[in-house]
């Protein structure tokens, strides 16, 4: 019986893939993956800003976090190369090892998340990614959903004040137009509270820029460097618990 391949061995094998044979069933998942792969592979990595996780992964904690990260990281050449390499690698993995296997690992395997980021950071800028603990957390905590819950509380006072100002301004312009004032209040209130929809993505991007920047080891602030050292040490100490 063949020994089970480690994730890093699987990642190395992906680079050997060049062409992919299509299924006779034109609507098959494999053909869908090949279409997506060819779409990504045809792009210039330095300018890639696509976000196809929702087309590859079912709705899950991992999909939500990956989608948010792809959507909120900067659009500079290094981050674009990481974005391209991550999506390119996931698609290759699914084509080489099967979509169901890729989904299972993406949703539950800390090692899978670590290895695809290790390979992508190396491709993008020849630097290493943060170790395993943060990737385990991203299989457990839906950060965008958490951000929406946090934001609904954090932005409530600001939203109320914005709505009140808009309503009072409308009343000052036309004291008889109470319906217009109410509409102005609701519009300003909803617009301000909508910041909670992006809080999780902004939080993920902040953690990347602070502790796990693909720009290099001197890019994060001094406290981010210290925090990364702590997280890496915790990863080494706790990894056997969630491997």
C-alpha atoms as a PDB file:
ATOM      1  CA  UNK A   1       0.000   0.000   0.000  1.00  0.00           C
ATOM      2  CA  UNK A   2       1.350   3.409  -0.897  1.00  0.00           C
ATOM      3  CA  UNK A   3       2.162   5.687   2.017  1.00  0.00           C
ATOM      4  CA  UNK A   4      -0.127   8.666   2.394  1.00  0.00           C
ATOM      5  CA  UNK A   5       1.376  11.755   0.814  1.00  0.00           C
ATOM      6  CA  UNK A   6       2.084  14.758   2.990  1.00  0.00           C
ATOM      7  CA  UNK A   7       0.570  18.079   1.979  1.00  0.00           C
ATOM      8  CA  UNK A   8       3.936  19.544   0.975  1.00  0.00           C
ATOM      9  CA  UNK A   9       4.556  16.528  -1.297  1.00  0.00           C
ATOM     10  CA  UNK A  10       1.144  17.060  -2.868  1.00  0.00           C
ATOM     11  CA  UNK A  11       1.873  20.759  -3.423  1.00  0.00           C
ATOM     12  CA  UNK A  12       5.167  19.923  -5.129  1.00  0.00           C
ATOM     13  CA  UNK A  13       3.374  17.502  -7.470  1.00  0.00           C
ATOM     14  CA  UNK A  14       0.922  20.186  -8.562  1.00  0.00           C
ATOM     15  CA  UNK A  15       3.664  22.026 -10.368  1.00  0.00           C
ATOM     16  CA  UNK A  16       4.000  19.045 -12.726  1.00  0.00           C
ATOM     17  CA  UNK A  17       0.478  19.520 -14.119  1.00  0.00           C
ATOM     18  CA  UNK A  18       0.336  21.135 -17.573  1.00  0.00           C
ATOM     19  CA  UNK A  19      -2.763  19.954 -19.423  1.00  0.00           C
ATOM     20  CA  UNK A  20      -6.015  18.541 -18.132  1.00  0.00           C
ATOM     21  CA  UNK A  21      -8.239  16.084 -19.932  1.00  0.00           C
ATOM     22  CA  UNK A  22     -11.879  17.088 -19.999  1.00  0.00           C
ATOM     23  CA  UNK A  23     -14.808  14.822 -19.173  1.00  0.00           C
ATOM     24  CA  UNK A  24     -17.268  13.817 -21.924  1.00  0.00           C
ATOM     25  CA  UNK A  25     -19.994  15.367 -19.743  1.00  0.00           C
ATOM     26  CA  UNK A  26     -19.531  19.028 -20.574  1.00  0.00           C
ATOM     27  CA  UNK A  27     -21.386  20.110 -17.426  1.00  0.00           C
ATOM     28  CA  UNK A  28     -19.228  18.091 -15.024  1.00  0.00           C
ATOM     29  CA  UNK A  29     -17.471  19.614 -12.031  1.00  0.00           C
ATOM     30  CA  UNK A  30     -14.112  18.690 -13.561  1.00  0.00           C
ATOM     31  CA  UNK A  31     -14.827  20.676 -16.709  1.00  0.00           C
ATOM     32  CA  UNK A  32     -16.032  23.581 -14.580  1.00  0.00           C
ATOM     33  CA  UNK A  33     -12.742  23.470 -12.648  1.00  0.00           C
ATOM     34  CA  UNK A  34     -10.735  23.328 -15.869  1.00  0.00           C
ATOM     35  CA  UNK A  35     -12.585  26.400 -17.150  1.00  0.00           C
ATOM     36  CA  UNK A  36     -11.763  28.268 -13.937  1.00  0.00           C
ATOM     37  CA  UNK A  37      -8.167  27.065 -13.998  1.00  0.00           C
ATOM     38  CA  UNK A  38      -7.664  28.248 -17.568  1.00  0.00           C
ATOM     39  CA  UNK A  39      -9.264  31.572 -16.650  1.00  0.00           C
ATOM     40  CA  UNK A  40      -6.822  32.096 -13.763  1.00  0.00           C
ATOM     41  CA  UNK A  41      -3.781  30.667 -15.573  1.00  0.00           C
ATOM     42  CA  UNK A  42      -4.294  33.123 -18.442  1.00  0.00           C
ATOM     43  CA  UNK A  43      -4.040  36.127 -16.116  1.00  0.00           C
ATOM     44  CA  UNK A  44      -0.865  38.052 -15.273  1.00  0.00           C
ATOM     45  CA  UNK A  45      -0.180  37.251 -11.590  1.00  0.00           C
ATOM     46  CA  UNK A  46       1.027  40.789 -10.777  1.00  0.00           C
ATOM     47  CA  UNK A  47      -2.294  42.300 -11.839  1.00  0.00           C
ATOM     48  CA  UNK A  48      -4.694  39.548 -10.749  1.00  0.00           C
ATOM     49  CA  UNK A  49      -7.545  40.784  -8.529  1.00  0.00           C
ATOM     50  CA  UNK A  50     -10.041  37.946  -9.114  1.00  0.00           C
ATOM     51  CA  UNK A  51     -11.950  36.178  -6.374  1.00  0.00           C
ATOM     52  CA  UNK A  52     -13.357  32.773  -7.341  1.00  0.00           C
ATOM     53  CA  UNK A  53     -13.535  30.970  -3.991  1.00  0.00           C
ATOM     54  CA  UNK A  54     -17.334  30.985  -3.931  1.00  0.00           C
ATOM     55  CA  UNK A  55     -17.276  29.223  -7.323  1.00  0.00           C
ATOM     56  CA  UNK A  56     -14.933  26.495  -6.042  1.00  0.00           C
ATOM     57  CA  UNK A  57     -15.847  26.001  -2.380  1.00  0.00           C
ATOM     58  CA  UNK A  58     -19.310  25.455  -0.887  1.00  0.00           C
ATOM     59  CA  UNK A  59     -20.549  27.942   1.670  1.00  0.00           C
ATOM     60  CA  UNK A  60     -18.485  27.392   4.813  1.00  0.00           C
ATOM     61  CA  UNK A  61     -16.275  29.130   7.353  1.00  0.00           C
ATOM     62  CA  UNK A  62     -13.233  28.566   5.152  1.00  0.00           C
ATOM     63  CA  UNK A  63     -14.937  29.875   2.012  1.00  0.00           C
ATOM     64  CA  UNK A  64     -16.126  33.008   3.838  1.00  0.00           C
ATOM     65  CA  UNK A  65     -12.645  33.748   5.195  1.00  0.00           C
ATOM     66  CA  UNK A  66     -10.832  33.054   1.923  1.00  0.00           C
ATOM     67  CA  UNK A  67     -13.338  35.185   0.005  1.00  0.00           C
ATOM     68  CA  UNK A  68     -12.938  38.063   2.458  1.00  0.00           C
ATOM     69  CA  UNK A  69      -9.145  37.858   2.326  1.00  0.00           C
ATOM     70  CA  UNK A  70      -9.123  37.878  -1.491  1.00  0.00           C
ATOM     71  CA  UNK A  71     -11.525  40.809  -1.561  1.00  0.00           C
ATOM     72  CA  UNK A  72      -9.829  43.034   0.998  1.00  0.00           C
ATOM     73  CA  UNK A  73      -6.090  42.537   0.530  1.00  0.00           C
ATOM     74  CA  UNK A  74      -4.273  45.287  -1.335  1.00  0.00           C
ATOM     75  CA  UNK A  75      -4.041  45.364  -5.129  1.00  0.00           C
ATOM     76  CA  UNK A  76      -0.278  45.804  -5.334  1.00  0.00           C
ATOM     77  CA  UNK A  77       1.862  43.370  -7.397  1.00  0.00           C
ATOM     78  CA  UNK A  78       2.994  41.209  -4.447  1.00  0.00           C
ATOM     79  CA  UNK A  79      -0.492  40.761  -2.974  1.00  0.00           C
ATOM     80  CA  UNK A  80      -1.857  40.156  -6.472  1.00  0.00           C
ATOM     81  CA  UNK A  81       0.715  37.386  -6.967  1.00  0.00           C
ATOM     82  CA  UNK A  82      -0.356  35.777  -3.680  1.00  0.00           C
ATOM     83  CA  UNK A  83      -4.020  36.044  -4.678  1.00  0.00           C
ATOM     84  CA  UNK A  84      -3.276  34.465  -8.069  1.00  0.00           C
ATOM     85  CA  UNK A  85      -1.095  31.692  -6.635  1.00  0.00           C
ATOM     86  CA  UNK A  86      -3.618  30.707  -3.948  1.00  0.00           C
ATOM     87  CA  UNK A  87      -6.498  30.351  -6.391  1.00  0.00           C
ATOM     88  CA  UNK A  88      -4.285  28.712  -9.015  1.00  0.00           C
ATOM     89  CA  UNK A  89      -3.047  26.183  -6.437  1.00  0.00           C
ATOM     90  CA  UNK A  90      -6.495  25.337  -5.092  1.00  0.00           C
ATOM     91  CA  UNK A  91      -7.760  24.680  -8.611  1.00  0.00           C
ATOM     92  CA  UNK A  92      -4.750  22.522  -9.456  1.00  0.00           C
ATOM     93  CA  UNK A  93      -5.225  20.607  -6.218  1.00  0.00           C
ATOM     94  CA  UNK A  94      -8.868  19.929  -7.058  1.00  0.00           C
ATOM     95  CA  UNK A  95      -7.962  18.762 -10.562  1.00  0.00           C
ATOM     96  CA  UNK A  96      -5.140  16.542  -9.345  1.00  0.00           C
ATOM     97  CA  UNK A  97      -6.766  15.045  -6.228  1.00  0.00           C
ATOM     98  CA  UNK A  98     -10.482  15.582  -6.824  1.00  0.00           C
ATOM     99  CA  UNK A  99     -12.866  18.374  -5.927  1.00  0.00           C
ATOM    100  CA  UNK A 100     -14.374  16.540  -2.943  1.00  0.00           C
ATOM    101  CA  UNK A 101     -10.939  15.891  -1.446  1.00  0.00           C
ATOM    102  CA  UNK A 102      -9.920  19.526  -1.908  1.00  0.00           C
ATOM    103  CA  UNK A 103     -13.129  20.767  -0.278  1.00  0.00           C
ATOM    104  CA  UNK A 104     -12.741  18.392   2.660  1.00  0.00           C
ATOM    105  CA  UNK A 105      -9.171  19.526   3.275  1.00  0.00           C
ATOM    106  CA  UNK A 106      -9.902  23.210   2.781  1.00  0.00           C
ATOM    107  CA  UNK A 107     -12.713  23.073   5.328  1.00  0.00           C
ATOM    108  CA  UNK A 108     -10.945  21.039   8.007  1.00  0.00           C
ATOM    109  CA  UNK A 109      -7.193  20.713   7.446  1.00  0.00           C
ATOM    110  CA  UNK A 110      -4.879  23.233   9.065  1.00  0.00           C
ATOM    111  CA  UNK A 111      -1.975  21.704   7.169  1.00  0.00           C
ATOM    112  CA  UNK A 112      -3.736  22.264   3.840  1.00  0.00           C
ATOM    113  CA  UNK A 113      -4.254  25.975   4.526  1.00  0.00           C
ATOM    114  CA  UNK A 114      -0.701  26.339   5.765  1.00  0.00           C
ATOM    115  CA  UNK A 115       0.801  24.588   2.746  1.00  0.00           C
ATOM    116  CA  UNK A 116      -1.130  26.520   0.084  1.00  0.00           C
ATOM    117  CA  UNK A 117      -0.112  29.770   1.758  1.00  0.00           C
ATOM    118  CA  UNK A 118       3.482  28.600   2.160  1.00  0.00           C
ATOM    119  CA  UNK A 119       3.661  27.820  -1.556  1.00  0.00           C
ATOM    120  CA  UNK A 120       1.908  31.053  -2.561  1.00  0.00           C
ATOM    121  CA  UNK A 121       4.028  33.345  -0.377  1.00  0.00           C
ATOM    122  CA  UNK A 122       7.158  31.683  -1.722  1.00  0.00           C
ATOM    123  CA  UNK A 123       5.941  32.204  -5.287  1.00  0.00           C
ATOM    124  CA  UNK A 124       4.909  35.812  -4.668  1.00  0.00           C
ATOM    125  CA  UNK A 125       7.968  37.172  -2.893  1.00  0.00           C
ATOM    126  CA  UNK A 126      10.164  34.308  -1.645  1.00  0.00           C
ATOM    127  CA  UNK A 127       9.032  34.753   1.971  1.00  0.00           C
ATOM    128  CA  UNK A 128       7.406  32.348   4.400  1.00  0.00           C
ATOM    129  CA  UNK A 129       3.876  32.548   5.727  1.00  0.00           C
ATOM    130  CA  UNK A 130       2.905  32.554   9.371  1.00  0.00           C
ATOM    131  CA  UNK A 131       2.696  29.117  10.930  1.00  0.00           C
ATOM    132  CA  UNK A 132      -0.304  26.923  11.688  1.00  0.00           C
ATOM    133  CA  UNK A 133      -2.362  28.460  14.519  1.00  0.00           C
ATOM    134  CA  UNK A 134      -3.948  31.305  12.483  1.00  0.00           C
ATOM    135  CA  UNK A 135      -4.879  28.857   9.725  1.00  0.00           C
ATOM    136  CA  UNK A 136      -6.581  26.592  12.273  1.00  0.00           C
ATOM    137  CA  UNK A 137      -8.545  29.577  13.586  1.00  0.00           C
ATOM    138  CA  UNK A 138      -9.748  30.355  10.061  1.00  0.00           C
ATOM    139  CA  UNK A 139     -11.295  26.888   9.798  1.00  0.00           C
ATOM    140  CA  UNK A 140     -13.142  27.488  13.081  1.00  0.00           C
ATOM    141  CA  UNK A 141     -14.170  31.165  13.121  1.00  0.00           C
ATOM    142  CA  UNK A 142     -16.198  32.824  10.369  1.00  0.00           C
ATOM    143  CA  UNK A 143     -14.564  36.249  10.605  1.00  0.00           C
ATOM    144  CA  UNK A 144     -16.946  38.065   8.200  1.00  0.00           C
ATOM    145  CA  UNK A 145     -19.968  36.794  10.174  1.00  0.00           C
ATOM    146  CA  UNK A 146     -18.268  37.752  13.441  1.00  0.00           C
ATOM    147  CA  UNK A 147     -17.539  41.179  11.961  1.00  0.00           C
ATOM    148  CA  UNK A 148     -21.185  41.696  11.079  1.00  0.00           C
ATOM    149  CA  UNK A 149     -22.236  40.871  14.632  1.00  0.00           C
ATOM    150  CA  UNK A 150     -19.573  43.131  16.118  1.00  0.00           C
ATOM    151  CA  UNK A 151     -20.318  45.909  13.653  1.00  0.00           C
ATOM    152  CA  UNK A 152     -24.049  45.894  14.371  1.00  0.00           C
ATOM    153  CA  UNK A 153     -23.120  46.981  17.890  1.00  0.00           C
ATOM    154  CA  UNK A 154     -20.051  49.125  17.172  1.00  0.00           C
ATOM    155  CA  UNK A 155     -21.666  51.222  14.434  1.00  0.00           C
ATOM    156  CA  UNK A 156     -25.112  51.545  16.006  1.00  0.00           C
ATOM    157  CA  UNK A 157     -24.449  54.892  17.782  1.00  0.00           C
ATOM    158  CA  UNK A 158     -22.724  56.350  14.709  1.00  0.00           C
ATOM    159  CA  UNK A 159     -25.572  55.157  12.483  1.00  0.00           C
ATOM    160  CA  UNK A 160     -28.210  56.681  14.766  1.00  0.00           C
ATOM    161  CA  UNK A 161     -26.417  60.038  14.873  1.00  0.00           C
ATOM    162  CA  UNK A 162     -25.954  60.034  11.079  1.00  0.00           C
ATOM    163  CA  UNK A 163     -29.628  59.244  10.595  1.00  0.00           C
ATOM    164  CA  UNK A 164     -30.696  61.907  13.082  1.00  0.00           C
ATOM    165  CA  UNK A 165     -28.572  64.553  11.365  1.00  0.00           C
ATOM    166  CA  UNK A 166     -29.972  63.627   7.942  1.00  0.00           C
ATOM    167  CA  UNK A 167     -33.562  63.670   9.218  1.00  0.00           C
ATOM    168  CA  UNK A 168     -33.177  66.998  11.003  1.00  0.00           C
ATOM    169  CA  UNK A 169     -31.560  68.535   7.927  1.00  0.00           C
ATOM    170  CA  UNK A 170     -34.534  67.462   5.826  1.00  0.00           C
ATOM    171  CA  UNK A 171     -36.984  68.831   8.423  1.00  0.00           C
ATOM    172  CA  UNK A 172     -35.093  72.135   8.472  1.00  0.00           C
ATOM    173  CA  UNK A 173     -35.515  72.368   4.714  1.00  0.00           C
ATOM    174  CA  UNK A 174     -39.228  71.471   4.805  1.00  0.00           C
ATOM    175  CA  UNK A 175     -40.905  71.121   8.245  1.00  0.00           C
ATOM    176  CA  UNK A 176     -44.002  69.561   6.690  1.00  0.00           C
ATOM    177  CA  UNK A 177     -42.147  66.740   4.945  1.00  0.00           C
ATOM    178  CA  UNK A 178     -42.029  64.196   7.761  1.00  0.00           C
ATOM    179  CA  UNK A 179     -42.010  61.293   5.305  1.00  0.00           C
ATOM    180  CA  UNK A 180     -38.917  62.719   3.607  1.00  0.00           C
ATOM    181  CA  UNK A 181     -37.224  63.203   6.968  1.00  0.00           C
ATOM    182  CA  UNK A 182     -37.932  59.611   7.938  1.00  0.00           C
ATOM    183  CA  UNK A 183     -36.584  58.375   4.596  1.00  0.00           C
ATOM    184  CA  UNK A 184     -33.439  60.475   5.028  1.00  0.00           C
ATOM    185  CA  UNK A 185     -32.972  59.055   8.527  1.00  0.00           C
ATOM    186  CA  UNK A 186     -33.348  55.456   7.330  1.00  0.00           C
ATOM    187  CA  UNK A 187     -31.023  55.979   4.373  1.00  0.00           C
ATOM    188  CA  UNK A 188     -28.210  57.517   6.443  1.00  0.00           C
ATOM    189  CA  UNK A 189     -28.729  54.987   9.240  1.00  0.00           C
ATOM    190  CA  UNK A 190     -28.555  51.994   6.902  1.00  0.00           C
ATOM    191  CA  UNK A 191     -25.590  53.377   4.969  1.00  0.00           C
ATOM    192  CA  UNK A 192     -23.548  53.872   8.133  1.00  0.00           C
ATOM    193  CA  UNK A 193     -24.545  50.549   9.674  1.00  0.00           C
ATOM    194  CA  UNK A 194     -23.560  48.810   6.420  1.00  0.00           C
ATOM    195  CA  UNK A 195     -19.928  49.273   7.484  1.00  0.00           C
ATOM    196  CA  UNK A 196     -20.459  46.141   9.584  1.00  0.00           C
ATOM    197  CA  UNK A 197     -20.689  44.101   6.353  1.00  0.00           C
ATOM    198  CA  UNK A 198     -17.040  44.811   5.579  1.00  0.00           C
ATOM    199  CA  UNK A 199     -15.628  44.789   9.106  1.00  0.00           C
ATOM    200  CA  UNK A 200     -14.591  41.124   8.970  1.00  0.00           C
ATOM    201  CA  UNK A 201     -12.760  41.552   5.676  1.00  0.00           C
ATOM    202  CA  UNK A 202     -10.995  44.662   6.927  1.00  0.00           C
ATOM    203  CA  UNK A 203     -10.017  42.801  10.101  1.00  0.00           C
ATOM    204  CA  UNK A 204      -8.540  39.923   8.087  1.00  0.00           C
ATOM    205  CA  UNK A 205      -6.580  42.373   5.954  1.00  0.00           C
ATOM    206  CA  UNK A 206      -5.292  44.153   9.068  1.00  0.00           C
ATOM    207  CA  UNK A 207      -4.008  40.886  10.526  1.00  0.00           C
ATOM    208  CA  UNK A 208      -2.279  40.071   7.223  1.00  0.00           C
ATOM    209  CA  UNK A 209      -0.589  43.453   7.001  1.00  0.00           C
ATOM    210  CA  UNK A 210       0.347  43.380  10.683  1.00  0.00           C
ATOM    211  CA  UNK A 211       1.600  39.831  11.216  1.00  0.00           C
ATOM    212  CA  UNK A 212       1.751  38.013   7.887  1.00  0.00           C
ATOM    213  CA  UNK A 213       2.671  40.437   5.136  1.00  0.00           C
ATOM    214  CA  UNK A 214       3.848  38.897   1.852  1.00  0.00           C
ATOM    215  CA  UNK A 215       5.752  42.133   1.270  1.00  0.00           C
ATOM    216  CA  UNK A 216       8.625  40.823   3.423  1.00  0.00           C
ATOM    217  CA  UNK A 217       9.755  40.619   7.003  1.00  0.00           C
ATOM    218  CA  UNK A 218      10.398  44.354   7.392  1.00  0.00           C
ATOM    219  CA  UNK A 219       6.972  45.454   6.117  1.00  0.00           C
ATOM    220  CA  UNK A 220       4.860  44.935   9.286  1.00  0.00           C
ATOM    221  CA  UNK A 221       5.066  47.379  12.216  1.00  0.00           C
ATOM    222  CA  UNK A 222       7.362  46.497  15.124  1.00  0.00           C
ATOM    223  CA  UNK A 223       4.498  45.241  17.261  1.00  0.00           C
ATOM    224  CA  UNK A 224       3.324  43.047  14.377  1.00  0.00           C
ATOM    225  CA  UNK A 225       6.749  41.431  14.180  1.00  0.00           C
ATOM    226  CA  UNK A 226       6.571  40.698  17.897  1.00  0.00           C
ATOM    227  CA  UNK A 227       3.049  39.337  17.603  1.00  0.00           C
ATOM    228  CA  UNK A 228       4.108  37.059  14.753  1.00  0.00           C
ATOM    229  CA  UNK A 229       6.928  35.633  16.859  1.00  0.00           C
ATOM    230  CA  UNK A 230       4.392  34.869  19.597  1.00  0.00           C
ATOM    231  CA  UNK A 231       1.927  33.293  17.144  1.00  0.00           C
ATOM    232  CA  UNK A 232       4.639  31.172  15.558  1.00  0.00           C
ATOM    233  CA  UNK A 233       5.756  29.967  18.993  1.00  0.00           C
ATOM    234  CA  UNK A 234       2.165  29.144  19.949  1.00  0.00           C
ATOM    235  CA  UNK A 235       1.760  27.313  16.646  1.00  0.00           C
ATOM    236  CA  UNK A 236       4.753  25.110  17.359  1.00  0.00           C
ATOM    237  CA  UNK A 237       3.468  24.397  20.863  1.00  0.00           C
ATOM    238  CA  UNK A 238      -0.159  23.687  19.933  1.00  0.00           C
ATOM    239  CA  UNK A 239      -0.017  22.210  16.434  1.00  0.00           C
ATOM    240  CA  UNK A 240      -0.184  18.550  17.595  1.00  0.00           C
ATOM    241  CA  UNK A 241      -3.587  19.352  19.135  1.00  0.00           C
ATOM    242  CA  UNK A 242      -5.262  20.169  15.821  1.00  0.00           C
ATOM    243  CA  UNK A 243      -3.179  18.494  13.113  1.00  0.00           C
END
